[in-house]
Amino acid sequence: MFPEFYSLGVSTGINFCINILIPSLFPFMFLSCFIVNSGISEEFGKLISFLSKFLFYLPSCTGSSIILSLLGGYPVGAKLVSSLYKRKLISQEQANRMLCFVINSGPAFAITTLGLKLLSNKTFGLIIYLSQIISSLLIATILGIFARIKNKNLKIQNTYSIKKPEIFSAFINSSIETIDSIVNMCAFIIIFSCIIFIINKLICHNLFLISILEITSGCVELAREKIPIYLISFFVAWSGICIHFQIFSIMNIKKFNFKRLKFILFRFIHGVLSGITTYILLIIFKIDIQVFSNGISFKSNFISNSTSIYGSIFLLLTSVFFIISSFESEIFNLTR
């Protein structure tokens, strides 16, 4: 049924995996897995223990993983959490909490692909990337506060009783884990590429629906239709259902109770916060540059005529308060 749509979708998905996904993600994902499996993350984590223990209320070994998740791209954060949990360095509650804020687009996608190639100006990509980082750290801090209130003492796994793996074993295990993750990711990308082709040809061409399903195709459509930057920032932080399924596959660990509803909820929260943060940053930096190559410009001064920076900051704080207040009981229940 509709073989021409399937074949086009498959070929598009395969080309994306071969030309973009594997070359850009495989080396970094392997490096990330190796850092965790070799024990380097535990040693490096001691240097930034303040960031993880006192700010996010997490074991010190998570510090390097949090930083790598901000640099490596969407699935890297989940892969790091998976590796930490498998090595018994973090608890199930801590793993589920980390998954609320370690899923981010890397600078290569946000700044180069989105900013420079699609929006024709890397400054906008940089603003979107910074908005993601700020929003992720904000979520991590707030969840850390709730966890600190609920549990007076930070639960730290006994890493000293765990035998440190040999470098050769860490290399082999990291290679196997990376290949397994890449294969699963490519499978989902090809599947969703077919779905998007069918939707476009048979149902309707809805750029917002495409963006909800798959972020790369969505960003192409959003940039082409000159959608406001803060809305693009929302969808980039949301990351797309295709990415969500990839995370589900990575976190399919024996005896691990992955809180999928909580994960999806915080993808939406992350998107809202990123969109608001992007809106504020556009005002702060008073950007007056060409956004699209066709000459249509976007001026934050125009925005500032209708609202002030203080009003935007108030909107951000109000949104955070509303979100946390609305879902406080759910957060406590889901983190048990």
C-alpha atoms as a PDB file:
ATOM      1  CA  MET A   1       0.000   0.000   0.000  1.00  0.00           C
ATOM      2  CA  PHE A   2       1.454   3.367  -1.153  1.00  0.00           C
ATOM      3  CA  PRO A   3       4.908   1.880  -1.911  1.00  0.00           C
ATOM      4  CA  GLU A   4       6.100   5.133  -3.509  1.00  0.00           C
ATOM      5  CA  PHE A   5       5.563   7.009  -0.235  1.00  0.00           C
ATOM      6  CA  TYR A   6       7.252   4.283   1.795  1.00  0.00           C
ATOM      7  CA  SER A   7      10.268   4.156  -0.520  1.00  0.00           C
ATOM      8  CA  LEU A   8      10.703   7.940  -0.498  1.00  0.00           C
ATOM      9  CA  GLY A   9      10.415   8.018   3.275  1.00  0.00           C
ATOM     10  CA  VAL A  10      12.889   5.181   3.716  1.00  0.00           C
ATOM     11  CA  SER A  11      15.435   6.703   1.323  1.00  0.00           C
ATOM     12  CA  THR A  12      15.135  10.108   3.004  1.00  0.00           C
ATOM     13  CA  GLY A  13      15.581   8.581   6.456  1.00  0.00           C
ATOM     14  CA  ILE A  14      18.555   6.475   5.368  1.00  0.00           C
ATOM     15  CA  ASN A  15      20.260   9.465   3.737  1.00  0.00           C
ATOM     16  CA  PHE A  16      19.792  11.499   6.913  1.00  0.00           C
ATOM     17  CA  CYS A  17      21.265   8.725   9.054  1.00  0.00           C
ATOM     18  CA  ILE A  18      24.269   8.138   6.784  1.00  0.00           C
ATOM     19  CA  ASN A  19      25.112  11.750   5.970  1.00  0.00           C
ATOM     20  CA  ILE A  20      24.193  13.567   9.193  1.00  0.00           C
ATOM     21  CA  LEU A  21      23.314  11.400  12.185  1.00  0.00           C
ATOM     22  CA  ILE A  22      26.072   8.782  12.217  1.00  0.00           C
ATOM     23  CA  PRO A  23      29.033  11.077  11.345  1.00  0.00           C
ATOM     24  CA  SER A  24      28.027  13.738  13.865  1.00  0.00           C
ATOM     25  CA  LEU A  25      26.705  11.607  16.723  1.00  0.00           C
ATOM     26  CA  PHE A  26      28.616   8.321  16.716  1.00  0.00           C
ATOM     27  CA  PRO A  27      32.020   9.691  17.862  1.00  0.00           C
ATOM     28  CA  PHE A  28      30.541  11.814  20.643  1.00  0.00           C
ATOM     29  CA  MET A  29      28.222   9.069  21.848  1.00  0.00           C
ATOM     30  CA  PHE A  30      31.100   6.588  21.982  1.00  0.00           C
ATOM     31  CA  LEU A  31      33.247   9.092  23.881  1.00  0.00           C
ATOM     32  CA  SER A  32      30.421   9.739  26.334  1.00  0.00           C
ATOM     33  CA  CYS A  33      29.878   6.029  26.985  1.00  0.00           C
ATOM     34  CA  PHE A  34      33.607   5.460  27.383  1.00  0.00           C
ATOM     35  CA  ILE A  35      33.905   8.289  29.915  1.00  0.00           C
ATOM     36  CA  VAL A  36      31.230   6.653  32.057  1.00  0.00           C
ATOM     37  CA  ASN A  37      32.271   3.012  31.574  1.00  0.00           C
ATOM     38  CA  SER A  38      35.953   3.707  32.249  1.00  0.00           C
ATOM     39  CA  GLY A  39      35.255   5.539  35.499  1.00  0.00           C
ATOM     40  CA  ILE A  40      36.545   8.874  34.211  1.00  0.00           C
ATOM     41  CA  SER A  41      33.191  10.503  34.940  1.00  0.00           C
ATOM     42  CA  GLU A  42      33.548   9.698  38.637  1.00  0.00           C
ATOM     43  CA  GLU A  43      36.968  11.319  38.837  1.00  0.00           C
ATOM     44  CA  PHE A  44      35.985  14.353  36.787  1.00  0.00           C
ATOM     45  CA  GLY A  45      32.753  14.645  38.738  1.00  0.00           C
ATOM     46  CA  LYS A  46      34.711  15.376  41.901  1.00  0.00           C
ATOM     47  CA  LEU A  47      35.986  18.598  40.302  1.00  0.00           C
ATOM     48  CA  ILE A  48      32.464  19.888  39.694  1.00  0.00           C
ATOM     49  CA  SER A  49      30.709  18.277  42.644  1.00  0.00           C
ATOM     50  CA  PHE A  50      29.160  21.616  43.624  1.00  0.00           C
ATOM     51  CA  LEU A  51      27.196  21.691  40.374  1.00  0.00           C
ATOM     52  CA  SER A  52      25.742  18.233  40.855  1.00  0.00           C
ATOM     53  CA  LYS A  53      25.541  17.747  44.629  1.00  0.00           C
ATOM     54  CA  PHE A  54      24.603  21.149  45.984  1.00  0.00           C
ATOM     55  CA  LEU A  55      22.766  22.672  43.035  1.00  0.00           C
ATOM     56  CA  PHE A  56      21.022  19.628  41.528  1.00  0.00           C
ATOM     57  CA  TYR A  57      21.123  17.315  44.567  1.00  0.00           C
ATOM     58  CA  LEU A  58      22.724  14.472  42.598  1.00  0.00           C
ATOM     59  CA  PRO A  59      25.866  12.358  43.148  1.00  0.00           C
ATOM     60  CA  SER A  60      29.129  13.982  42.077  1.00  0.00           C
ATOM     61  CA  CYS A  61      29.637  11.399  39.311  1.00  0.00           C
ATOM     62  CA  THR A  62      26.720  12.931  37.385  1.00  0.00           C
ATOM     63  CA  GLY A  63      28.452  16.289  36.878  1.00  0.00           C
ATOM     64  CA  SER A  64      30.384  15.297  33.765  1.00  0.00           C
ATOM     65  CA  SER A  65      27.319  13.563  32.304  1.00  0.00           C
ATOM     66  CA  ILE A  66      25.229  16.705  32.731  1.00  0.00           C
ATOM     67  CA  ILE A  67      27.854  18.801  30.940  1.00  0.00           C
ATOM     68  CA  LEU A  68      28.229  16.244  28.136  1.00  0.00           C
ATOM     69  CA  SER A  69      24.442  16.156  27.696  1.00  0.00           C
ATOM     70  CA  LEU A  70      24.529  19.884  26.910  1.00  0.00           C
ATOM     71  CA  LEU A  71      27.153  19.334  24.211  1.00  0.00           C
ATOM     72  CA  GLY A  72      26.417  16.000  22.582  1.00  0.00           C
ATOM     73  CA  GLY A  73      22.898  16.196  21.191  1.00  0.00           C
ATOM     74  CA  TYR A  74      19.502  14.768  22.111  1.00  0.00           C
ATOM     75  CA  PRO A  75      20.127  11.064  22.832  1.00  0.00           C
ATOM     76  CA  VAL A  76      23.560  11.454  24.453  1.00  0.00           C
ATOM     77  CA  GLY A  77      22.098  12.543  27.782  1.00  0.00           C
ATOM     78  CA  ALA A  78      19.828   9.496  27.945  1.00  0.00           C
ATOM     79  CA  LYS A  79      22.711   7.195  27.020  1.00  0.00           C
ATOM     80  CA  LEU A  80      24.810   8.648  29.826  1.00  0.00           C
ATOM     81  CA  VAL A  81      21.987   8.208  32.336  1.00  0.00           C
ATOM     82  CA  SER A  82      21.553   4.627  31.151  1.00  0.00           C
ATOM     83  CA  SER A  83      25.271   3.926  31.625  1.00  0.00           C
ATOM     84  CA  LEU A  84      25.313   5.504  35.089  1.00  0.00           C
ATOM     85  CA  TYR A  85      22.306   3.459  36.179  1.00  0.00           C
ATOM     86  CA  LYS A  86      23.666   0.188  34.778  1.00  0.00           C
ATOM     87  CA  ARG A  87      26.886   0.734  36.743  1.00  0.00           C
ATOM     88  CA  LYS A  88      24.786   1.388  39.873  1.00  0.00           C
ATOM     89  CA  LEU A  89      26.195   4.890  40.259  1.00  0.00           C
ATOM     90  CA  ILE A  90      22.753   6.504  40.515  1.00  0.00           C
ATOM     91  CA  SER A  91      19.405   5.364  41.869  1.00  0.00           C
ATOM     92  CA  GLN A  92      16.218   4.885  39.856  1.00  0.00           C
ATOM     93  CA  GLU A  93      14.769   8.122  41.235  1.00  0.00           C
ATOM     94  CA  GLN A  94      17.907  10.040  40.284  1.00  0.00           C
ATOM     95  CA  ALA A  95      17.907   8.529  36.784  1.00  0.00           C
ATOM     96  CA  ASN A  96      14.291   9.529  36.158  1.00  0.00           C
ATOM     97  CA  ARG A  97      14.984  13.011  37.503  1.00  0.00           C
ATOM     98  CA  MET A  98      18.035  13.468  35.262  1.00  0.00           C
ATOM     99  CA  LEU A  99      15.995  12.471  32.208  1.00  0.00           C
ATOM    100  CA  CYS A 100      13.857  15.565  32.800  1.00  0.00           C
ATOM    101  CA  PHE A 101      16.710  17.919  31.867  1.00  0.00           C
ATOM    102  CA  VAL A 102      19.569  16.099  30.081  1.00  0.00           C
ATOM    103  CA  ILE A 103      17.814  15.863  26.693  1.00  0.00           C
ATOM    104  CA  ASN A 104      19.062  18.810  24.619  1.00  0.00           C
ATOM    105  CA  SER A 105      20.108  19.537  21.061  1.00  0.00           C
ATOM    106  CA  GLY A 106      23.838  19.922  20.629  1.00  0.00           C
ATOM    107  CA  PRO A 107      25.535  23.121  19.440  1.00  0.00           C
ATOM    108  CA  ALA A 108      26.241  21.522  16.057  1.00  0.00           C
ATOM    109  CA  PHE A 109      22.518  21.223  15.338  1.00  0.00           C
ATOM    110  CA  ALA A 110      21.266  24.379  17.069  1.00  0.00           C
ATOM    111  CA  ILE A 111      23.975  26.818  15.969  1.00  0.00           C
ATOM    112  CA  THR A 112      25.266  25.400  12.675  1.00  0.00           C
ATOM    113  CA  THR A 113      22.373  23.472  11.120  1.00  0.00           C
ATOM    114  CA  LEU A 114      19.467  25.510  12.473  1.00  0.00           C
ATOM    115  CA  GLY A 115      21.037  28.927  12.934  1.00  0.00           C
ATOM    116  CA  LEU A 116      23.503  29.221  10.077  1.00  0.00           C
ATOM    117  CA  LYS A 117      21.959  26.970   7.409  1.00  0.00           C
ATOM    118  CA  LEU A 118      18.204  27.252   8.008  1.00  0.00           C
ATOM    119  CA  LEU A 119      17.821  30.704   9.607  1.00  0.00           C
ATOM    120  CA  SER A 120      20.816  32.180   7.751  1.00  0.00           C
ATOM    121  CA  ASN A 121      22.305  33.595  10.954  1.00  0.00           C
ATOM    122  CA  LYS A 122      24.133  31.630  13.634  1.00  0.00           C
ATOM    123  CA  THR A 123      23.253  34.238  16.298  1.00  0.00           C
ATOM    124  CA  PHE A 124      19.696  32.934  16.384  1.00  0.00           C
ATOM    125  CA  GLY A 125      20.970  29.386  16.674  1.00  0.00           C
ATOM    126  CA  LEU A 126      23.179  30.476  19.567  1.00  0.00           C
ATOM    127  CA  ILE A 127      20.226  32.126  21.317  1.00  0.00           C
ATOM    128  CA  ILE A 128      18.112  28.980  20.916  1.00  0.00           C
ATOM    129  CA  TYR A 129      20.986  26.861  22.236  1.00  0.00           C
ATOM    130  CA  LEU A 130      21.552  29.138  25.249  1.00  0.00           C
ATOM    131  CA  SER A 131      17.813  29.102  25.955  1.00  0.00           C
ATOM    132  CA  GLN A 132      17.887  25.313  26.132  1.00  0.00           C
ATOM    133  CA  ILE A 133      20.827  25.333  28.534  1.00  0.00           C
ATOM    134  CA  ILE A 134      19.248  27.943  30.802  1.00  0.00           C
ATOM    135  CA  SER A 135      15.924  26.092  30.837  1.00  0.00           C
ATOM    136  CA  SER A 136      17.559  22.718  31.518  1.00  0.00           C
ATOM    137  CA  LEU A 137      19.606  24.078  34.417  1.00  0.00           C
ATOM    138  CA  LEU A 138      16.516  25.808  35.802  1.00  0.00           C
ATOM    139  CA  ILE A 139      14.510  22.571  35.703  1.00  0.00           C
ATOM    140  CA  ALA A 140      17.424  20.653  37.244  1.00  0.00           C
ATOM    141  CA  THR A 141      17.704  23.170  40.083  1.00  0.00           C
ATOM    142  CA  ILE A 142      13.972  23.214  40.848  1.00  0.00           C
ATOM    143  CA  LEU A 143      13.716  19.413  40.828  1.00  0.00           C
ATOM    144  CA  GLY A 144      16.818  19.313  43.022  1.00  0.00           C
ATOM    145  CA  ILE A 145      15.099  21.579  45.547  1.00  0.00           C
ATOM    146  CA  PHE A 146      12.029  19.321  45.630  1.00  0.00           C
ATOM    147  CA  ALA A 147      14.233  16.230  46.008  1.00  0.00           C
ATOM    148  CA  ARG A 148      16.171  17.895  48.828  1.00  0.00           C
ATOM    149  CA  ILE A 149      12.944  18.743  50.657  1.00  0.00           C
ATOM    150  CA  LYS A 150      11.597  15.223  50.221  1.00  0.00           C
ATOM    151  CA  ASN A 151      14.860  13.439  51.094  1.00  0.00           C
ATOM    152  CA  LYS A 152      17.007  15.166  53.686  1.00  0.00           C
ATOM    153  CA  ASN A 153      20.026  13.001  52.927  1.00  0.00           C
ATOM    154  CA  LEU A 154      21.353  12.608  49.393  1.00  0.00           C
ATOM    155  CA  LYS A 155      21.325   8.960  48.370  1.00  0.00           C
ATOM    156  CA  ILE A 156      24.696   8.103  46.863  1.00  0.00           C
ATOM    157  CA  GLN A 157      25.421   4.669  45.518  1.00  0.00           C
ATOM    158  CA  ASN A 158      28.471   2.949  46.964  1.00  0.00           C
ATOM    159  CA  THR A 159      30.864   3.511  44.071  1.00  0.00           C
ATOM    160  CA  TYR A 160      33.909   2.502  46.067  1.00  0.00           C
ATOM    161  CA  SER A 161      32.781  -1.127  46.303  1.00  0.00           C
ATOM    162  CA  ILE A 162      32.389  -1.364  42.550  1.00  0.00           C
ATOM    163  CA  LYS A 163      35.413  -2.740  40.756  1.00  0.00           C
ATOM    164  CA  LYS A 164      36.812  -0.218  38.333  1.00  0.00           C
ATOM    165  CA  PRO A 165      36.599  -1.594  34.794  1.00  0.00           C
ATOM    166  CA  GLU A 166      39.686  -2.123  32.669  1.00  0.00           C
ATOM    167  CA  ILE A 167      40.248   0.286  29.805  1.00  0.00           C
ATOM    168  CA  PHE A 168      40.004  -2.497  27.216  1.00  0.00           C
ATOM    169  CA  SER A 169      36.705  -3.754  28.640  1.00  0.00           C
ATOM    170  CA  ALA A 170      35.365  -0.208  28.801  1.00  0.00           C
ATOM    171  CA  PHE A 171      36.338   0.299  25.146  1.00  0.00           C
ATOM    172  CA  ILE A 172      34.588  -2.880  24.000  1.00  0.00           C
ATOM    173  CA  ASN A 173      31.448  -2.253  26.053  1.00  0.00           C
ATOM    174  CA  SER A 174      31.239   1.367  24.896  1.00  0.00           C
ATOM    175  CA  SER A 175      31.545   0.288  21.256  1.00  0.00           C
ATOM    176  CA  ILE A 176      28.758  -2.279  21.609  1.00  0.00           C
ATOM    177  CA  GLU A 177      26.475   0.135  23.468  1.00  0.00           C
ATOM    178  CA  THR A 178      27.058   2.899  20.922  1.00  0.00           C
ATOM    179  CA  ILE A 179      26.391   0.670  17.920  1.00  0.00           C
ATOM    180  CA  ASP A 180      23.224  -0.687  19.534  1.00  0.00           C
ATOM    181  CA  SER A 181      21.969   2.837  20.270  1.00  0.00           C
ATOM    182  CA  ILE A 182      22.783   4.147  16.785  1.00  0.00           C
ATOM    183  CA  VAL A 183      20.954   1.239  15.111  1.00  0.00           C
ATOM    184  CA  ASN A 184      17.843   1.837  17.236  1.00  0.00           C
ATOM    185  CA  MET A 185      17.945   5.571  16.548  1.00  0.00           C
ATOM    186  CA  CYS A 186      18.274   5.063  12.788  1.00  0.00           C
ATOM    187  CA  ALA A 187      15.336   2.650  12.810  1.00  0.00           C
ATOM    188  CA  PHE A 188      13.060   5.216  14.470  1.00  0.00           C
ATOM    189  CA  ILE A 189      14.228   7.994  12.145  1.00  0.00           C
ATOM    190  CA  ILE A 190      13.427   5.888   9.066  1.00  0.00           C
ATOM    191  CA  ILE A 191      10.011   4.936  10.462  1.00  0.00           C
ATOM    192  CA  PHE A 192       9.072   8.532  11.276  1.00  0.00           C
ATOM    193  CA  SER A 193      10.381   9.689   7.908  1.00  0.00           C
ATOM    194  CA  CYS A 194       7.855   7.340   6.277  1.00  0.00           C
ATOM    195  CA  ILE A 195       5.079   8.603   8.557  1.00  0.00           C
ATOM    196  CA  ILE A 196       5.822  12.225   7.669  1.00  0.00           C
ATOM    197  CA  PHE A 197       5.805  11.455   3.928  1.00  0.00           C
ATOM    198  CA  ILE A 198       2.420   9.752   4.229  1.00  0.00           C
ATOM    199  CA  ILE A 199       0.981  12.630   6.281  1.00  0.00           C
ATOM    200  CA  ASN A 200       2.223  15.215   3.779  1.00  0.00           C
ATOM    201  CA  LYS A 201       0.891  13.355   0.739  1.00  0.00           C
ATOM    202  CA  LEU A 202      -2.381  11.871   1.964  1.00  0.00           C
ATOM    203  CA  ILE A 203      -3.611  13.934   4.908  1.00  0.00           C
ATOM    204  CA  CYS A 204      -2.257  17.472   5.091  1.00  0.00           C
ATOM    205  CA  HIS A 205       0.951  19.441   5.121  1.00  0.00           C
ATOM    206  CA  ASN A 206       0.948  20.719   8.698  1.00  0.00           C
ATOM    207  CA  LEU A 207       4.300  22.117   9.773  1.00  0.00           C
ATOM    208  CA  PHE A 208       3.386  22.082  13.470  1.00  0.00           C
ATOM    209  CA  LEU A 209       2.392  18.414  13.309  1.00  0.00           C
ATOM    210  CA  ILE A 210       5.654  17.634  11.524  1.00  0.00           C
ATOM    211  CA  SER A 211       7.602  19.536  14.201  1.00  0.00           C
ATOM    212  CA  ILE A 212       5.856  17.606  16.967  1.00  0.00           C
ATOM    213  CA  LEU A 213       6.753  14.318  15.286  1.00  0.00           C
ATOM    214  CA  GLU A 214      10.325  14.891  14.032  1.00  0.00           C
ATOM    215  CA  ILE A 215      12.429  17.932  14.847  1.00  0.00           C
ATOM    216  CA  THR A 216      14.829  18.004  11.872  1.00  0.00           C
ATOM    217  CA  SER A 217      12.087  18.015   9.234  1.00  0.00           C
ATOM    218  CA  GLY A 218      10.085  20.334  11.459  1.00  0.00           C
ATOM    219  CA  CYS A 219      12.870  22.920  11.685  1.00  0.00           C
ATOM    220  CA  VAL A 220      13.206  22.954   7.905  1.00  0.00           C
ATOM    221  CA  GLU A 221       9.484  23.686   7.553  1.00  0.00           C
ATOM    222  CA  LEU A 222       9.405  26.236  10.404  1.00  0.00           C
ATOM    223  CA  ALA A 223      12.315  28.198   8.957  1.00  0.00           C
ATOM    224  CA  ARG A 224      10.819  28.097   5.459  1.00  0.00           C
ATOM    225  CA  GLU A 225       7.515  29.516   6.717  1.00  0.00           C
ATOM    226  CA  LYS A 226       9.283  32.251   8.762  1.00  0.00           C
ATOM    227  CA  ILE A 227       7.825  31.143  12.091  1.00  0.00           C
ATOM    228  CA  PRO A 228       8.913  33.323  15.081  1.00  0.00           C
ATOM    229  CA  ILE A 229      12.203  32.282  16.652  1.00  0.00           C
ATOM    230  CA  TYR A 230      10.715  31.662  20.090  1.00  0.00           C
ATOM    231  CA  LEU A 231       8.271  29.121  18.637  1.00  0.00           C
ATOM    232  CA  ILE A 232      11.127  27.355  16.867  1.00  0.00           C
ATOM    233  CA  SER A 233      12.934  27.302  20.221  1.00  0.00           C
ATOM    234  CA  PHE A 234       9.920  25.587  21.796  1.00  0.00           C
ATOM    235  CA  PHE A 235       9.922  22.788  19.224  1.00  0.00           C
ATOM    236  CA  VAL A 236      13.711  22.332  19.426  1.00  0.00           C
ATOM    237  CA  ALA A 237      13.445  21.864  23.201  1.00  0.00           C
ATOM    238  CA  TRP A 238      10.395  19.593  22.795  1.00  0.00           C
ATOM    239  CA  SER A 239      12.679  17.517  20.531  1.00  0.00           C
ATOM    240  CA  GLY A 240       9.975  15.546  18.716  1.00  0.00           C
ATOM    241  CA  ILE A 241       8.215  12.242  19.319  1.00  0.00           C
ATOM    242  CA  CYS A 242      10.833  10.505  17.176  1.00  0.00           C
ATOM    243  CA  ILE A 243      13.499  11.511  19.722  1.00  0.00           C
ATOM    244  CA  HIS A 244      11.187  10.481  22.559  1.00  0.00           C
ATOM    245  CA  PHE A 245      10.930   6.973  21.117  1.00  0.00           C
ATOM    246  CA  GLN A 246      14.708   6.822  20.804  1.00  0.00           C
ATOM    247  CA  ILE A 247      14.994   7.696  24.497  1.00  0.00           C
ATOM    248  CA  PHE A 248      12.413   5.025  25.357  1.00  0.00           C
ATOM    249  CA  SER A 249      14.551   2.487  23.506  1.00  0.00           C
ATOM    250  CA  ILE A 250      17.771   3.574  25.245  1.00  0.00           C
ATOM    251  CA  MET A 251      16.134   3.432  28.683  1.00  0.00           C
ATOM    252  CA  ASN A 252      14.591   0.000  28.090  1.00  0.00           C
ATOM    253  CA  ILE A 253      16.637  -1.444  30.944  1.00  0.00           C
ATOM    254  CA  LYS A 254      15.756  -4.532  32.950  1.00  0.00           C
ATOM    255  CA  LYS A 255      14.156  -3.667  36.309  1.00  0.00           C
ATOM    256  CA  PHE A 256      14.179   0.056  35.506  1.00  0.00           C
ATOM    257  CA  ASN A 257      10.815   1.781  35.911  1.00  0.00           C
ATOM    258  CA  PHE A 258      11.077   4.578  33.353  1.00  0.00           C
ATOM    259  CA  LYS A 259       8.528   7.323  34.103  1.00  0.00           C
ATOM    260  CA  ARG A 260       7.497   7.996  30.505  1.00  0.00           C
ATOM    261  CA  LEU A 261       4.591  10.297  31.374  1.00  0.00           C
ATOM    262  CA  LYS A 262       6.871  12.397  33.549  1.00  0.00           C
ATOM    263  CA  PHE A 263       9.464  12.493  30.754  1.00  0.00           C
ATOM    264  CA  ILE A 264       6.953  13.745  28.160  1.00  0.00           C
ATOM    265  CA  LEU A 265       5.559  16.287  30.628  1.00  0.00           C
ATOM    266  CA  PHE A 266       8.989  17.783  31.178  1.00  0.00           C
ATOM    267  CA  ARG A 267       9.731  17.854  27.445  1.00  0.00           C
ATOM    268  CA  PHE A 268       6.746  20.185  27.167  1.00  0.00           C
ATOM    269  CA  ILE A 269       7.852  22.212  30.205  1.00  0.00           C
ATOM    270  CA  HIS A 270      11.341  22.481  28.740  1.00  0.00           C
ATOM    271  CA  GLY A 271       9.843  23.707  25.469  1.00  0.00           C
ATOM    272  CA  VAL A 272       7.750  26.389  27.184  1.00  0.00           C
ATOM    273  CA  LEU A 273      10.681  27.645  29.254  1.00  0.00           C
ATOM    274  CA  SER A 274      12.999  27.652  26.226  1.00  0.00           C
ATOM    275  CA  GLY A 275      10.509  29.633  24.170  1.00  0.00           C
ATOM    276  CA  ILE A 276      10.075  32.236  26.916  1.00  0.00           C
ATOM    277  CA  THR A 277      13.835  32.432  27.504  1.00  0.00           C
ATOM    278  CA  THR A 278      14.459  32.954  23.787  1.00  0.00           C
ATOM    279  CA  TYR A 279      11.871  35.742  23.796  1.00  0.00           C
ATOM    280  CA  ILE A 280      13.664  37.438  26.706  1.00  0.00           C
ATOM    281  CA  LEU A 281      17.136  37.048  25.164  1.00  0.00           C
ATOM    282  CA  LEU A 282      15.957  38.631  21.910  1.00  0.00           C
ATOM    283  CA  ILE A 283      14.893  41.671  23.920  1.00  0.00           C
ATOM    284  CA  ILE A 284      18.028  41.790  26.070  1.00  0.00           C
ATOM    285  CA  PHE A 285      20.427  41.727  23.116  1.00  0.00           C
ATOM    286  CA  LYS A 286      18.272  44.103  21.022  1.00  0.00           C
ATOM    287  CA  ILE A 287      18.809  42.026  17.927  1.00  0.00           C
ATOM    288  CA  ASP A 288      18.349  43.823  14.621  1.00  0.00           C
ATOM    289  CA  ILE A 289      19.740  41.497  11.963  1.00  0.00           C
ATOM    290  CA  GLN A 290      18.570  39.535   8.936  1.00  0.00           C
ATOM    291  CA  VAL A 291      16.941  36.264   9.929  1.00  0.00           C
ATOM    292  CA  PHE A 292      16.077  34.773   6.581  1.00  0.00           C
ATOM    293  CA  SER A 293      18.092  34.889   3.420  1.00  0.00           C
ATOM    294  CA  ASN A 294      15.220  36.490   1.502  1.00  0.00           C
ATOM    295  CA  GLY A 295      15.739  39.754   3.369  1.00  0.00           C
ATOM    296  CA  ILE A 296      12.905  39.649   5.870  1.00  0.00           C
ATOM    297  CA  SER A 297      14.241  41.006   9.134  1.00  0.00           C
ATOM    298  CA  PHE A 298      13.218  40.412  12.695  1.00  0.00           C
ATOM    299  CA  LYS A 299      13.772  43.180  15.222  1.00  0.00           C
ATOM    300  CA  SER A 300      13.519  42.676  18.942  1.00  0.00           C
ATOM    301  CA  ASN A 301      13.021  46.452  19.232  1.00  0.00           C
ATOM    302  CA  PHE A 302       9.613  45.898  17.677  1.00  0.00           C
ATOM    303  CA  ILE A 303       8.787  43.468  20.441  1.00  0.00           C
ATOM    304  CA  SER A 304      10.000  45.837  23.117  1.00  0.00           C
ATOM    305  CA  ASN A 305       7.431  48.397  21.994  1.00  0.00           C
ATOM    306  CA  SER A 306       4.650  46.098  23.131  1.00  0.00           C
ATOM    307  CA  THR A 307       6.227  44.623  26.230  1.00  0.00           C
ATOM    308  CA  SER A 308       9.112  45.353  28.547  1.00  0.00           C
ATOM    309  CA  ILE A 309      11.966  43.124  29.560  1.00  0.00           C
ATOM    310  CA  TYR A 310      10.644  43.221  33.112  1.00  0.00           C
ATOM    311  CA  GLY A 311       7.293  41.978  31.931  1.00  0.00           C
ATOM    312  CA  SER A 312       8.971  39.128  30.079  1.00  0.00           C
ATOM    313  CA  ILE A 313      11.019  38.149  33.118  1.00  0.00           C
ATOM    314  CA  PHE A 314       7.859  38.263  35.222  1.00  0.00           C
ATOM    315  CA  LEU A 315       6.157  36.029  32.631  1.00  0.00           C
ATOM    316  CA  LEU A 316       9.012  33.541  32.881  1.00  0.00           C
ATOM    317  CA  LEU A 317       8.933  33.458  36.686  1.00  0.00           C
ATOM    318  CA  THR A 318       5.145  33.208  36.712  1.00  0.00           C
ATOM    319  CA  SER A 319       5.258  30.317  34.243  1.00  0.00           C
ATOM    320  CA  VAL A 320       7.813  28.472  36.355  1.00  0.00           C
ATOM    321  CA  PHE A 321       5.735  28.987  39.496  1.00  0.00           C
ATOM    322  CA  PHE A 322       2.541  27.880  37.747  1.00  0.00           C
ATOM    323  CA  ILE A 323       4.141  24.788  36.243  1.00  0.00           C
ATOM    324  CA  ILE A 324       5.759  23.671  39.465  1.00  0.00           C
ATOM    325  CA  SER A 325       2.657  24.433  41.541  1.00  0.00           C
ATOM    326  CA  SER A 326       0.361  22.603  39.127  1.00  0.00           C
ATOM    327  CA  PHE A 327       2.473  19.471  38.973  1.00  0.00           C
ATOM    328  CA  GLU A 328       4.014  19.415  42.444  1.00  0.00           C
ATOM    329  CA  SER A 329       2.015  16.395  43.576  1.00  0.00           C
ATOM    330  CA  GLU A 330       2.673  14.569  40.303  1.00  0.00           C
ATOM    331  CA  ILE A 331       6.402  15.201  40.597  1.00  0.00           C
ATOM    332  CA  PHE A 332       6.546  13.715  44.088  1.00  0.00           C
ATOM    333  CA  ASN A 333       4.455  10.709  43.073  1.00  0.00           C
ATOM    334  CA  LEU A 334       6.383  10.038  39.884  1.00  0.00           C
ATOM    335  CA  THR A 335       9.786  10.221  41.540  1.00  0.00           C
ATOM    336  CA  ARG A 336       9.039   7.549  44.100  1.00  0.00           C
END
